[in-house]
Amino acid sequence: MFELSASVSRAASERPLMTLRVSRDSGRTWGRQKHFYARDCEPLNTLSMPPCRCPRCRGRR
């Protein structure tokens, strides 16, 4: 029983946290899926979000 629960929790931790597909032409075509895993994400050290790095927001600094 313990081995089963360990393998289930390991499988759950290997699932992506988020999967994205981006369309740059109003949904006519879609890019490849991008998966984000917990092992690739840094935890936030504060409750505030980091500054946005998109081209629109980058010009406001």
N, C-alpha and C. Protein backbone atom coordinates (compact mmCIF):
# COMPACT_ATOMS: atom_id res chain seq x y z
N MET A 1 0.82 -1.19 0.00
CA MET A 1 0.00 0.00 0.00
C MET A 1 0.87 1.26 0.00
N PHE A 2 1.92 1.28 0.78
CA PHE A 2 2.79 2.45 0.85
C PHE A 2 3.45 2.73 -0.50
N GLU A 3 3.90 1.68 -1.18
CA GLU A 3 4.55 1.88 -2.47
C GLU A 3 3.58 2.47 -3.48
N LEU A 4 2.32 2.06 -3.43
CA LEU A 4 1.32 2.60 -4.35
C LEU A 4 1.11 4.08 -4.09
N SER A 5 0.95 4.47 -2.84
CA SER A 5 0.72 5.88 -2.54
C SER A 5 1.95 6.72 -2.89
N ALA A 6 3.14 6.19 -2.71
CA ALA A 6 4.35 6.93 -3.08
C ALA A 6 4.42 7.12 -4.59
N SER A 7 4.05 6.07 -5.34
CA SER A 7 4.10 6.21 -6.80
C SER A 7 3.01 7.16 -7.29
N VAL A 8 1.86 7.18 -6.63
CA VAL A 8 0.80 8.10 -7.02
C VAL A 8 1.22 9.54 -6.75
N SER A 9 1.82 9.80 -5.58
CA SER A 9 2.25 11.16 -5.27
C SER A 9 3.40 11.59 -6.19
N ARG A 10 4.28 10.66 -6.56
CA ARG A 10 5.36 10.99 -7.49
C ARG A 10 4.78 11.33 -8.86
N ALA A 11 3.78 10.55 -9.30
CA ALA A 11 3.16 10.82 -10.59
C ALA A 11 2.45 12.18 -10.57
N ALA A 12 1.81 12.52 -9.46
CA ALA A 12 1.13 13.81 -9.35
C ALA A 12 2.13 14.95 -9.38
N SER A 13 3.31 14.77 -8.78
CA SER A 13 4.30 15.83 -8.78
C SER A 13 4.96 15.99 -10.15
N GLU A 14 4.87 14.99 -11.01
CA GLU A 14 5.46 15.08 -12.34
C GLU A 14 4.49 15.63 -13.38
N ARG A 15 3.21 15.81 -12.99
CA ARG A 15 2.25 16.40 -13.91
C ARG A 15 2.52 17.89 -14.03
N PRO A 16 2.28 18.48 -15.19
CA PRO A 16 2.49 19.93 -15.31
C PRO A 16 1.50 20.71 -14.46
N LEU A 17 1.96 21.83 -13.91
CA LEU A 17 1.07 22.72 -13.17
C LEU A 17 0.17 23.49 -14.12
N MET A 18 0.71 23.80 -15.31
CA MET A 18 -0.03 24.58 -16.28
C MET A 18 0.45 24.19 -17.68
N THR A 19 -0.46 24.17 -18.62
CA THR A 19 -0.14 23.92 -20.02
C THR A 19 -0.73 25.06 -20.83
N LEU A 20 0.08 25.69 -21.68
CA LEU A 20 -0.36 26.83 -22.49
C LEU A 20 -0.17 26.55 -23.97
N ARG A 21 -1.08 27.05 -24.75
CA ARG A 21 -0.92 27.12 -26.20
C ARG A 21 -1.28 28.54 -26.58
N VAL A 22 -0.43 29.20 -27.37
CA VAL A 22 -0.61 30.60 -27.70
C VAL A 22 -0.99 30.74 -29.18
N SER A 23 -1.98 31.58 -29.44
CA SER A 23 -2.36 31.93 -30.80
C SER A 23 -2.01 33.39 -31.01
N ARG A 24 -1.37 33.69 -32.09
CA ARG A 24 -1.00 35.07 -32.41
C ARG A 24 -1.84 35.63 -33.55
N ASP A 25 -2.86 34.87 -33.97
CA ASP A 25 -3.71 35.32 -35.08
C ASP A 25 -5.20 35.10 -34.78
N SER A 26 -5.61 35.45 -33.59
CA SER A 26 -7.01 35.36 -33.15
C SER A 26 -7.58 33.96 -33.20
N GLY A 27 -6.78 32.97 -32.92
CA GLY A 27 -7.28 31.61 -32.79
C GLY A 27 -7.34 30.80 -34.06
N ARG A 28 -6.82 31.32 -35.17
CA ARG A 28 -6.83 30.53 -36.41
C ARG A 28 -5.78 29.42 -36.36
N THR A 29 -4.62 29.72 -35.82
CA THR A 29 -3.57 28.70 -35.65
C THR A 29 -3.04 28.82 -34.23
N TRP A 30 -2.46 27.72 -33.77
CA TRP A 30 -1.95 27.67 -32.40
C TRP A 30 -0.52 27.16 -32.39
N GLY A 31 0.28 27.69 -31.48
CA GLY A 31 1.64 27.22 -31.29
C GLY A 31 1.66 25.90 -30.54
N ARG A 32 2.85 25.36 -30.37
CA ARG A 32 3.01 24.11 -29.63
C ARG A 32 2.69 24.32 -28.16
N GLN A 33 2.32 23.25 -27.49
CA GLN A 33 2.03 23.32 -26.07
C GLN A 33 3.31 23.57 -25.28
N LYS A 34 3.20 24.41 -24.28
CA LYS A 34 4.31 24.68 -23.36
C LYS A 34 3.86 24.22 -21.99
N HIS A 35 4.64 23.34 -21.36
CA HIS A 35 4.30 22.79 -20.06
C HIS A 35 5.16 23.45 -18.98
N PHE A 36 4.56 23.75 -17.85
CA PHE A 36 5.26 24.32 -16.71
C PHE A 36 5.12 23.36 -15.53
N TYR A 37 6.25 22.96 -14.97
CA TYR A 37 6.30 22.00 -13.87
C TYR A 37 6.74 22.68 -12.59
N ALA A 38 6.36 22.10 -11.45
CA ALA A 38 6.73 22.66 -10.14
C ALA A 38 8.24 22.72 -9.98
N ARG A 39 8.96 21.74 -10.51
CA ARG A 39 10.42 21.72 -10.35
C ARG A 39 11.10 22.86 -11.08
N ASP A 40 10.41 23.49 -12.06
CA ASP A 40 11.00 24.57 -12.84
C ASP A 40 10.67 25.95 -12.29
N CYS A 41 9.81 26.02 -11.29
CA CYS A 41 9.33 27.31 -10.77
C CYS A 41 10.01 27.66 -9.47
N GLU A 42 10.43 28.90 -9.36
CA GLU A 42 10.99 29.39 -8.10
C GLU A 42 9.85 29.84 -7.20
N PRO A 43 9.91 29.56 -5.92
CA PRO A 43 8.87 30.07 -5.03
C PRO A 43 9.04 31.58 -4.84
N LEU A 44 7.93 32.28 -4.68
CA LEU A 44 7.99 33.71 -4.41
C LEU A 44 8.43 33.93 -2.97
N ASN A 45 9.35 34.84 -2.78
CA ASN A 45 9.85 35.14 -1.43
C ASN A 45 8.99 36.19 -0.73
N THR A 46 8.17 36.90 -1.49
CA THR A 46 7.29 37.91 -0.92
C THR A 46 5.87 37.68 -1.45
N LEU A 47 4.94 38.45 -0.95
CA LEU A 47 3.57 38.35 -1.44
C LEU A 47 3.33 39.21 -2.67
N SER A 48 4.29 40.06 -3.03
CA SER A 48 4.12 40.91 -4.20
C SER A 48 4.63 40.18 -5.45
N MET A 49 3.98 40.45 -6.55
CA MET A 49 4.36 39.82 -7.80
C MET A 49 5.56 40.56 -8.41
N PRO A 50 6.41 39.85 -9.16
CA PRO A 50 7.53 40.52 -9.82
C PRO A 50 7.01 41.44 -10.91
N PRO A 51 7.80 42.44 -11.32
CA PRO A 51 7.33 43.37 -12.36
C PRO A 51 7.13 42.65 -13.69
N CYS A 52 6.16 43.13 -14.45
CA CYS A 52 5.86 42.56 -15.76
C CYS A 52 7.00 42.86 -16.72
N ARG A 53 7.33 41.92 -17.59
CA ARG A 53 8.43 42.10 -18.54
C ARG A 53 7.94 42.18 -19.99
N CYS A 54 6.64 42.34 -20.20
CA CYS A 54 6.12 42.40 -21.57
C CYS A 54 6.55 43.72 -22.22
N PRO A 55 6.58 43.79 -23.55
CA PRO A 55 7.01 45.02 -24.23
C PRO A 55 6.18 46.24 -23.87
N ARG A 56 4.88 46.07 -23.66
CA ARG A 56 4.02 47.21 -23.32
C ARG A 56 4.36 47.78 -21.95
N CYS A 57 4.53 46.91 -20.96
CA CYS A 57 4.83 47.37 -19.59
C CYS A 57 6.28 47.81 -19.44
N ARG A 58 7.17 47.23 -20.21
CA ARG A 58 8.58 47.55 -20.10
C ARG A 58 8.83 49.02 -20.44
N GLY A 59 8.02 49.60 -21.35
CA GLY A 59 8.18 50.99 -21.76
C GLY A 59 7.72 51.99 -20.72
N ARG A 60 6.95 51.55 -19.71
CA ARG A 60 6.42 52.45 -18.68
C ARG A 60 7.39 52.71 -17.55
N ARG A 61 8.49 52.03 -17.49
CA ARG A 61 9.42 52.20 -16.37
C ARG A 61 10.16 53.49 -16.42
